[in-house]
Amino acid sequence: MDAELTDDFQDGNALAGPLLEIFAVDVTAALGCCAHCGSTGPVATLRVYRHAPGLVARCPGCGEVMLRLVRSAHTAWLDLSGTTRLRIPL
């Protein structure tokens, strides 16, 4: 059996430290890749629209949605389904 499929795993709390390190930086400097056209560039170059219930960020190349962020008083929802990857400088 593959190592990934055994009972030798930790729960998602093991991600707390690594994710805190990543999201404690300025993500606008990260390089994002558009899932639609493959264009890559800094998050700061995305076109952000505030007319929705949150923020919608579109690819400057093809106009497809790369990121959605909605916040309430106690929760934030981040949808990166239009982004294939983020390269975040640490």
PDB file of N, CA and C in Angstrom:
ATOM      1  N   MET A   1       0.834  -1.178   0.000  1.00  0.00           N
ATOM      2  CA  MET A   1       0.000   0.000   0.000  1.00  0.00           C
ATOM      3  C   MET A   1       0.881   1.244   0.000  1.00  0.00           C
ATOM      4  N   ASP A   2       0.499   2.282  -0.739  1.00  0.00           N
ATOM      5  CA  ASP A   2       1.261   3.523  -0.793  1.00  0.00           C
ATOM      6  C   ASP A   2       1.292   4.183   0.571  1.00  0.00           C
ATOM      7  N   ALA A   3       2.358   4.926   0.845  1.00  0.00           N
ATOM      8  CA  ALA A   3       2.490   5.629   2.121  1.00  0.00           C
ATOM      9  C   ALA A   3       1.352   6.620   2.332  1.00  0.00           C
ATOM     10  N   GLU A   4       0.841   7.227   1.243  1.00  0.00           N
ATOM     11  CA  GLU A   4      -0.230   8.206   1.350  1.00  0.00           C
ATOM     12  C   GLU A   4      -1.545   7.573   1.775  1.00  0.00           C
ATOM     13  N   LEU A   5      -1.701   6.277   1.600  1.00  0.00           N
ATOM     14  CA  LEU A   5      -2.968   5.606   1.874  1.00  0.00           C
ATOM     15  C   LEU A   5      -2.975   4.849   3.196  1.00  0.00           C
ATOM     16  N   THR A   6      -1.912   4.934   3.973  1.00  0.00           N
ATOM     17  CA  THR A   6      -1.862   4.238   5.251  1.00  0.00           C
ATOM     18  C   THR A   6      -2.512   5.085   6.326  1.00  0.00           C
ATOM     19  N   ASP A   7      -2.540   4.560   7.533  1.00  0.00           N
ATOM     20  CA  ASP A   7      -3.089   5.293   8.674  1.00  0.00           C
ATOM     21  C   ASP A   7      -2.072   6.243   9.285  1.00  0.00           C
ATOM     22  N   ASP A   8      -0.903   6.378   8.669  1.00  0.00           N
ATOM     23  CA  ASP A   8       0.155   7.235   9.178  1.00  0.00           C
ATOM     24  C   ASP A   8      -0.045   8.665   8.669  1.00  0.00           C
ATOM     25  N   PHE A   9      -0.969   9.397   9.269  1.00  0.00           N
ATOM     26  CA  PHE A   9      -1.243  10.770   8.852  1.00  0.00           C
ATOM     27  C   PHE A   9      -1.588  11.619  10.051  1.00  0.00           C
ATOM     28  N   GLN A  10      -1.577  12.920   9.838  1.00  0.00           N
ATOM     29  CA  GLN A  10      -1.987  13.882  10.859  1.00  0.00           C
ATOM     30  C   GLN A  10      -3.245  14.574  10.368  1.00  0.00           C
ATOM     31  N   ASP A  11      -3.980  15.169  11.294  1.00  0.00           N
ATOM     32  CA  ASP A  11      -5.155  15.915  10.862  1.00  0.00           C
ATOM     33  C   ASP A  11      -4.730  17.271  10.307  1.00  0.00           C
ATOM     34  N   GLY A  12      -5.694  18.018   9.814  1.00  0.00           N
ATOM     35  CA  GLY A  12      -5.427  19.295   9.165  1.00  0.00           C
ATOM     36  C   GLY A  12      -4.769  20.329  10.052  1.00  0.00           C
ATOM     37  N   ASN A  13      -4.780  20.117  11.371  1.00  0.00           N
ATOM     38  CA  ASN A  13      -4.102  21.058  12.264  1.00  0.00           C
ATOM     39  C   ASN A  13      -2.604  21.115  12.005  1.00  0.00           C
ATOM     40  N   ALA A  14      -2.065  20.094  11.364  1.00  0.00           N
ATOM     41  CA  ALA A  14      -0.644  20.089  11.016  1.00  0.00           C
ATOM     42  C   ALA A  14      -0.323  21.180   9.998  1.00  0.00           C
ATOM     43  N   LEU A  15      -1.349  21.709   9.330  1.00  0.00           N
ATOM     44  CA  LEU A  15      -1.152  22.781   8.354  1.00  0.00           C
ATOM     45  C   LEU A  15      -1.128  24.163   8.990  1.00  0.00           C
ATOM     46  N   ALA A  16      -1.494  24.269  10.249  1.00  0.00           N
ATOM     47  CA  ALA A  16      -1.637  25.575  10.897  1.00  0.00           C
ATOM     48  C   ALA A  16      -0.378  26.424  10.788  1.00  0.00           C
ATOM     49  N   GLY A  17       0.757  25.879  11.168  1.00  0.00           N
ATOM     50  CA  GLY A  17       2.003  26.639  11.108  1.00  0.00           C
ATOM     51  C   GLY A  17       2.404  27.015   9.689  1.00  0.00           C
ATOM     52  N   PRO A  18       2.457  26.029   8.775  1.00  0.00           N
ATOM     53  CA  PRO A  18       2.836  26.358   7.406  1.00  0.00           C
ATOM     54  C   PRO A  18       1.890  27.356   6.727  1.00  0.00           C
ATOM     55  N   LEU A  19       0.588  27.228   6.946  1.00  0.00           N
ATOM     56  CA  LEU A  19      -0.347  28.170   6.328  1.00  0.00           C
ATOM     57  C   LEU A  19      -0.239  29.552   6.950  1.00  0.00           C
ATOM     58  N   LEU A  20       0.007  29.606   8.250  1.00  0.00           N
ATOM     59  CA  LEU A  20       0.186  30.905   8.898  1.00  0.00           C
ATOM     60  C   LEU A  20       1.388  31.619   8.318  1.00  0.00           C
ATOM     61  N   GLU A  21       2.453  30.867   8.052  1.00  0.00           N
ATOM     62  CA  GLU A  21       3.647  31.465   7.456  1.00  0.00           C
ATOM     63  C   GLU A  21       3.347  32.012   6.059  1.00  0.00           C
ATOM     64  N   ILE A  22       2.589  31.268   5.287  1.00  0.00           N
ATOM     65  CA  ILE A  22       2.288  31.685   3.923  1.00  0.00           C
ATOM     66  C   ILE A  22       1.377  32.904   3.908  1.00  0.00           C
ATOM     67  N   PHE A  23       0.298  32.878   4.656  1.00  0.00           N
ATOM     68  CA  PHE A  23      -0.667  33.960   4.594  1.00  0.00           C
ATOM     69  C   PHE A  23      -0.302  35.136   5.496  1.00  0.00           C
ATOM     70  N   ALA A  24       0.824  35.082   6.145  1.00  0.00           N
ATOM     71  CA  ALA A  24       1.309  36.205   6.932  1.00  0.00           C
ATOM     72  C   ALA A  24       2.137  37.155   6.075  1.00  0.00           C
ATOM     73  N   VAL A  25       2.228  36.870   4.791  1.00  0.00           N
ATOM     74  CA  VAL A  25       2.979  37.720   3.867  1.00  0.00           C
ATOM     75  C   VAL A  25       2.012  38.468   2.965  1.00  0.00           C
ATOM     76  N   ASP A  26       2.523  39.427   2.234  1.00  0.00           N
ATOM     77  CA  ASP A  26       1.723  40.195   1.294  1.00  0.00           C
ATOM     78  C   ASP A  26       1.456  39.339   0.066  1.00  0.00           C
ATOM     79  N   VAL A  27       0.247  38.805  -0.044  1.00  0.00           N
ATOM     80  CA  VAL A  27      -0.098  37.894  -1.128  1.00  0.00           C
ATOM     81  C   VAL A  27      -0.190  38.625  -2.469  1.00  0.00           C
ATOM     82  N   THR A  28      -0.297  39.954  -2.471  1.00  0.00           N
ATOM     83  CA  THR A  28      -0.353  40.675  -3.743  1.00  0.00           C
ATOM     84  C   THR A  28       0.950  40.549  -4.523  1.00  0.00           C
ATOM     85  N   ALA A  29       2.035  40.182  -3.853  1.00  0.00           N
ATOM     86  CA  ALA A  29       3.313  39.967  -4.529  1.00  0.00           C
ATOM     87  C   ALA A  29       3.427  38.555  -5.096  1.00  0.00           C
ATOM     88  N   ALA A  30       2.491  37.671  -4.743  1.00  0.00           N
ATOM     89  CA  ALA A  30       2.520  36.295  -5.231  1.00  0.00           C
ATOM     90  C   ALA A  30       2.219  36.259  -6.724  1.00  0.00           C
ATOM     91  N   LEU A  31       2.789  35.285  -7.405  1.00  0.00           N
ATOM     92  CA  LEU A  31       2.505  35.078  -8.824  1.00  0.00           C
ATOM     93  C   LEU A  31       1.385  34.059  -8.949  1.00  0.00           C
ATOM     94  N   GLY A  32       0.296  34.464  -9.591  1.00  0.00           N
ATOM     95  CA  GLY A  32      -0.835  33.575  -9.801  1.00  0.00           C
ATOM     96  C   GLY A  32      -0.915  33.166 -11.253  1.00  0.00           C
ATOM     97  N   CYS A  33      -1.386  31.950 -11.485  1.00  0.00           N
ATOM     98  CA  CYS A  33      -1.555  31.434 -12.841  1.00  0.00           C
ATOM     99  C   CYS A  33      -3.037  31.220 -13.113  1.00  0.00           C
ATOM    100  N   CYS A  34      -3.550  31.811 -14.158  1.00  0.00           N
ATOM    101  CA  CYS A  34      -4.955  31.712 -14.536  1.00  0.00           C
ATOM    102  C   CYS A  34      -5.280  30.295 -15.005  1.00  0.00           C
ATOM    103  N   ALA A  35      -6.323  29.707 -14.439  1.00  0.00           N
ATOM    104  CA  ALA A  35      -6.736  28.362 -14.821  1.00  0.00           C
ATOM    105  C   ALA A  35      -7.323  28.328 -16.228  1.00  0.00           C
ATOM    106  N   HIS A  36      -7.753  29.470 -16.736  1.00  0.00           N
ATOM    107  CA  HIS A  36      -8.389  29.503 -18.051  1.00  0.00           C
ATOM    108  C   HIS A  36      -7.374  29.672 -19.193  1.00  0.00           C
ATOM    109  N   CYS A  37      -6.542  30.722 -19.100  1.00  0.00           N
ATOM    110  CA  CYS A  37      -5.633  31.021 -20.219  1.00  0.00           C
ATOM    111  C   CYS A  37      -4.167  30.714 -19.931  1.00  0.00           C
ATOM    112  N   GLY A  38      -3.835  30.417 -18.665  1.00  0.00           N
ATOM    113  CA  GLY A  38      -2.455  30.102 -18.321  1.00  0.00           C
ATOM    114  C   GLY A  38      -1.571  31.309 -18.093  1.00  0.00           C
ATOM    115  N   SER A  39      -2.113  32.506 -18.202  1.00  0.00           N
ATOM    116  CA  SER A  39      -1.345  33.724 -17.968  1.00  0.00           C
ATOM    117  C   SER A  39      -0.878  33.765 -16.516  1.00  0.00           C
ATOM    118  N   THR A  40       0.366  34.184 -16.316  1.00  0.00           N
ATOM    119  CA  THR A  40       0.939  34.255 -14.978  1.00  0.00           C
ATOM    120  C   THR A  40       1.385  35.679 -14.690  1.00  0.00           C
ATOM    121  N   GLY A  41       1.082  36.156 -13.489  1.00  0.00           N
ATOM    122  CA  GLY A  41       1.497  37.493 -13.085  1.00  0.00           C
ATOM    123  C   GLY A  41       1.183  37.730 -11.627  1.00  0.00           C
ATOM    124  N   PRO A  42       1.673  38.831 -11.082  1.00  0.00           N
ATOM    125  CA  PRO A  42       1.417  39.153  -9.681  1.00  0.00           C
ATOM    126  C   PRO A  42      -0.073  39.330  -9.403  1.00  0.00           C
ATOM    127  N   VAL A  43      -0.497  38.912  -8.228  1.00  0.00           N
ATOM    128  CA  VAL A  43      -1.886  39.100  -7.802  1.00  0.00           C
ATOM    129  C   VAL A  43      -2.260  40.581  -7.881  1.00  0.00           C
ATOM    130  N   ALA A  44      -1.290  41.452  -7.661  1.00  0.00           N
ATOM    131  CA  ALA A  44      -1.545  42.899  -7.707  1.00  0.00           C
ATOM    132  C   ALA A  44      -2.009  43.372  -9.079  1.00  0.00           C
ATOM    133  N   THR A  45      -1.779  42.584 -10.129  1.00  0.00           N
ATOM    134  CA  THR A  45      -2.195  43.004 -11.470  1.00  0.00           C
ATOM    135  C   THR A  45      -3.605  42.540 -11.843  1.00  0.00           C
ATOM    136  N   LEU A  46      -4.242  41.731 -10.963  1.00  0.00           N
ATOM    137  CA  LEU A  46      -5.607  41.284 -11.241  1.00  0.00           C
ATOM    138  C   LEU A  46      -6.553  42.474 -11.244  1.00  0.00           C
ATOM    139  N   ARG A  47      -7.636  42.358 -11.976  1.00  0.00           N
ATOM    140  CA  ARG A  47      -8.660  43.409 -12.010  1.00  0.00           C
ATOM    141  C   ARG A  47      -9.715  43.062 -10.977  1.00  0.00           C
ATOM    142  N   VAL A  48      -9.815  43.877  -9.945  1.00  0.00           N
ATOM    143  CA  VAL A  48     -10.695  43.596  -8.807  1.00  0.00           C
ATOM    144  C   VAL A  48     -11.982  44.402  -8.927  1.00  0.00           C
ATOM    145  N   TYR A  49     -13.104  43.701  -8.800  1.00  0.00           N
ATOM    146  CA  TYR A  49     -14.422  44.323  -8.873  1.00  0.00           C
ATOM    147  C   TYR A  49     -15.090  44.208  -7.512  1.00  0.00           C
ATOM    148  N   ARG A  50     -15.661  45.323  -7.047  1.00  0.00           N
ATOM    149  CA  ARG A  50     -16.294  45.368  -5.735  1.00  0.00           C
ATOM    150  C   ARG A  50     -17.813  45.405  -5.818  1.00  0.00           C
ATOM    151  N   HIS A  51     -18.387  45.188  -7.001  1.00  0.00           N
ATOM    152  CA  HIS A  51     -19.833  45.302  -7.196  1.00  0.00           C
ATOM    153  C   HIS A  51     -20.587  44.060  -6.738  1.00  0.00           C
ATOM    154  N   ALA A  52     -19.895  43.029  -6.333  1.00  0.00           N
ATOM    155  CA  ALA A  52     -20.517  41.786  -5.879  1.00  0.00           C
ATOM    156  C   ALA A  52     -20.614  41.814  -4.343  1.00  0.00           C
ATOM    157  N   PRO A  53     -21.156  40.780  -3.746  1.00  0.00           N
ATOM    158  CA  PRO A  53     -21.194  40.719  -2.282  1.00  0.00           C
ATOM    159  C   PRO A  53     -19.801  40.643  -1.650  1.00  0.00           C
ATOM    160  N   GLY A  54     -18.773  40.578  -2.433  1.00  0.00           N
ATOM    161  CA  GLY A  54     -17.400  40.538  -1.947  1.00  0.00           C
ATOM    162  C   GLY A  54     -16.498  41.114  -3.013  1.00  0.00           C
ATOM    163  N   LEU A  55     -15.280  40.622  -3.063  1.00  0.00           N
ATOM    164  CA  LEU A  55     -14.320  41.042  -4.074  1.00  0.00           C
ATOM    165  C   LEU A  55     -14.180  39.948  -5.119  1.00  0.00           C
ATOM    166  N   VAL A  56     -14.212  40.318  -6.373  1.00  0.00           N
ATOM    167  CA  VAL A  56     -14.025  39.383  -7.479  1.00  0.00           C
ATOM    168  C   VAL A  56     -12.818  39.872  -8.265  1.00  0.00           C
ATOM    169  N   ALA A  57     -11.791  39.019  -8.392  1.00  0.00           N
ATOM    170  CA  ALA A  57     -10.571  39.390  -9.109  1.00  0.00           C
ATOM    171  C   ALA A  57     -10.490  38.599 -10.407  1.00  0.00           C
ATOM    172  N   ARG A  58     -10.346  39.332 -11.516  1.00  0.00           N
ATOM    173  CA  ARG A  58     -10.315  38.720 -12.841  1.00  0.00           C
ATOM    174  C   ARG A  58      -8.927  38.820 -13.462  1.00  0.00           C
ATOM    175  N   CYS A  59      -8.625  37.866 -14.305  1.00  0.00           N
ATOM    176  CA  CYS A  59      -7.363  37.827 -15.040  1.00  0.00           C
ATOM    177  C   CYS A  59      -7.288  39.039 -15.967  1.00  0.00           C
ATOM    178  N   PRO A  60      -6.174  39.765 -15.962  1.00  0.00           N
ATOM    179  CA  PRO A  60      -6.054  40.909 -16.861  1.00  0.00           C
ATOM    180  C   PRO A  60      -5.895  40.490 -18.323  1.00  0.00           C
ATOM    181  N   GLY A  61      -5.562  39.226 -18.562  1.00  0.00           N
ATOM    182  CA  GLY A  61      -5.379  38.745 -19.925  1.00  0.00           C
ATOM    183  C   GLY A  61      -6.669  38.306 -20.594  1.00  0.00           C
ATOM    184  N   CYS A  62      -7.456  37.459 -19.901  1.00  0.00           N
ATOM    185  CA  CYS A  62      -8.655  36.892 -20.531  1.00  0.00           C
ATOM    186  C   CYS A  62      -9.960  37.321 -19.857  1.00  0.00           C
ATOM    187  N   GLY A  63      -9.881  37.921 -18.674  1.00  0.00           N
ATOM    188  CA  GLY A  63     -11.075  38.395 -17.994  1.00  0.00           C
ATOM    189  C   GLY A  63     -11.801  37.357 -17.160  1.00  0.00           C
ATOM    190  N   GLU A  64     -11.323  36.123 -17.117  1.00  0.00           N
ATOM    191  CA  GLU A  64     -11.966  35.084 -16.308  1.00  0.00           C
ATOM    192  C   GLU A  64     -11.696  35.327 -14.819  1.00  0.00           C
ATOM    193  N   VAL A  65     -12.612  34.867 -13.972  1.00  0.00           N
ATOM    194  CA  VAL A  65     -12.471  35.025 -12.525  1.00  0.00           C
ATOM    195  C   VAL A  65     -11.365  34.105 -12.013  1.00  0.00           C
ATOM    196  N   MET A  66     -10.418  34.681 -11.283  1.00  0.00           N
ATOM    197  CA  MET A  66      -9.337  33.905 -10.675  1.00  0.00           C
ATOM    198  C   MET A  66      -9.506  33.769  -9.177  1.00  0.00           C
ATOM    199  N   LEU A  67     -10.143  34.745  -8.541  1.00  0.00           N
ATOM    200  CA  LEU A  67     -10.219  34.767  -7.087  1.00  0.00           C
ATOM    201  C   LEU A  67     -11.511  35.448  -6.654  1.00  0.00           C
ATOM    202  N   ARG A  68     -12.122  34.910  -5.610  1.00  0.00           N
ATOM    203  CA  ARG A  68     -13.278  35.548  -4.969  1.00  0.00           C
ATOM    204  C   ARG A  68     -13.001  35.580  -3.479  1.00  0.00           C
ATOM    205  N   LEU A  69     -13.297  36.706  -2.841  1.00  0.00           N
ATOM    206  CA  LEU A  69     -13.132  36.843  -1.397  1.00  0.00           C
ATOM    207  C   LEU A  69     -14.370  37.507  -0.828  1.00  0.00           C
ATOM    208  N   VAL A  70     -15.024  36.813   0.085  1.00  0.00           N
ATOM    209  CA  VAL A  70     -16.207  37.343   0.762  1.00  0.00           C
ATOM    210  C   VAL A  70     -15.938  37.279   2.252  1.00  0.00           C
ATOM    211  N   ARG A  71     -16.239  38.371   2.946  1.00  0.00           N
ATOM    212  CA  ARG A  71     -16.001  38.430   4.386  1.00  0.00           C
ATOM    213  C   ARG A  71     -17.267  38.809   5.116  1.00  0.00           C
ATOM    214  N   SER A  72     -17.405  38.245   6.290  1.00  0.00           N
ATOM    215  CA  SER A  72     -18.441  38.671   7.219  1.00  0.00           C
ATOM    216  C   SER A  72     -17.716  39.102   8.490  1.00  0.00           C
ATOM    217  N   ALA A  73     -18.452  39.391   9.525  1.00  0.00           N
ATOM    218  CA  ALA A  73     -17.828  39.844  10.771  1.00  0.00           C
ATOM    219  C   ALA A  73     -16.886  38.791  11.366  1.00  0.00           C
ATOM    220  N   HIS A  74     -17.184  37.505  11.154  1.00  0.00           N
ATOM    221  CA  HIS A  74     -16.413  36.447  11.818  1.00  0.00           C
ATOM    222  C   HIS A  74     -15.805  35.412  10.882  1.00  0.00           C
ATOM    223  N   THR A  75     -16.034  35.544   9.583  1.00  0.00           N
ATOM    224  CA  THR A  75     -15.593  34.507   8.653  1.00  0.00           C
ATOM    225  C   THR A  75     -15.148  35.127   7.334  1.00  0.00           C
ATOM    226  N   ALA A  76     -14.207  34.464   6.694  1.00  0.00           N
ATOM    227  CA  ALA A  76     -13.801  34.843   5.340  1.00  0.00           C
ATOM    228  C   ALA A  76     -13.882  33.607   4.461  1.00  0.00           C
ATOM    229  N   TRP A  77     -14.373  33.782   3.236  1.00  0.00           N
ATOM    230  CA  TRP A  77     -14.435  32.712   2.245  1.00  0.00           C
ATOM    231  C   TRP A  77     -13.520  33.108   1.101  1.00  0.00           C
ATOM    232  N   LEU A  78     -12.584  32.241   0.765  1.00  0.00           N
ATOM    233  CA  LEU A  78     -11.635  32.494  -0.316  1.00  0.00           C
ATOM    234  C   LEU A  78     -11.778  31.388  -1.352  1.00  0.00           C
ATOM    235  N   ASP A  79     -12.128  31.772  -2.567  1.00  0.00           N
ATOM    236  CA  ASP A  79     -12.278  30.820  -3.667  1.00  0.00           C
ATOM    237  C   ASP A  79     -11.180  31.102  -4.682  1.00  0.00           C
ATOM    238  N   LEU A  80     -10.284  30.150  -4.856  1.00  0.00           N
ATOM    239  CA  LEU A  80      -9.186  30.265  -5.816  1.00  0.00           C
ATOM    240  C   LEU A  80      -9.352  29.277  -6.959  1.00  0.00           C
ATOM    241  N   SER A  81     -10.577  28.841  -7.240  1.00  0.00           N
ATOM    242  CA  SER A  81     -10.787  27.810  -8.256  1.00  0.00           C
ATOM    243  C   SER A  81     -10.383  28.265  -9.657  1.00  0.00           C
ATOM    244  N   GLY A  82     -10.288  29.559  -9.893  1.00  0.00           N
ATOM    245  CA  GLY A  82      -9.841  30.063 -11.191  1.00  0.00           C
ATOM    246  C   GLY A  82      -8.338  30.249 -11.275  1.00  0.00           C
ATOM    247  N   THR A  83      -7.640  29.815 -10.238  1.00  0.00           N
ATOM    248  CA  THR A  83      -6.188  29.949 -10.166  1.00  0.00           C
ATOM    249  C   THR A  83      -5.580  28.567 -10.039  1.00  0.00           C
ATOM    250  N   THR A  84      -4.665  28.228 -10.921  1.00  0.00           N
ATOM    251  CA  THR A  84      -4.062  26.898 -10.837  1.00  0.00           C
ATOM    252  C   THR A  84      -2.978  26.821  -9.775  1.00  0.00           C
ATOM    253  N   ARG A  85      -2.309  27.937  -9.528  1.00  0.00           N
ATOM    254  CA  ARG A  85      -1.265  27.937  -8.494  1.00  0.00           C
ATOM    255  C   ARG A  85      -0.933  29.367  -8.096  1.00  0.00           C
ATOM    256  N   LEU A  86      -0.382  29.498  -6.894  1.00  0.00           N
ATOM    257  CA  LEU A  86       0.158  30.754  -6.401  1.00  0.00           C
ATOM    258  C   LEU A  86       1.593  30.501  -5.975  1.00  0.00           C
ATOM    259  N   ARG A  87       2.507  31.284  -6.479  1.00  0.00           N
ATOM    260  CA  ARG A  87       3.904  31.198  -6.013  1.00  0.00           C
ATOM    261  C   ARG A  87       4.114  32.386  -5.100  1.00  0.00           C
ATOM    262  N   ILE A  88       4.277  32.092  -3.803  1.00  0.00           N
ATOM    263  CA  ILE A  88       4.312  33.139  -2.782  1.00  0.00           C
ATOM    264  C   ILE A  88       5.726  33.326  -2.282  1.00  0.00           C
ATOM    265  N   PRO A  89       6.290  34.511  -2.451  1.00  0.00           N
ATOM    266  CA  PRO A  89       7.641  34.752  -1.907  1.00  0.00           C
ATOM    267  C   PRO A  89       7.592  34.835  -0.391  1.00  0.00           C
ATOM    268  N   LEU A  90       8.518  34.160   0.269  1.00  0.00           N
ATOM    269  CA  LEU A  90       8.569  34.172   1.745  1.00  0.00           C
ATOM    270  C   LEU A  90       9.668  35.071   2.251  1.00  0.00           C
TER     271      LEU A  90
END
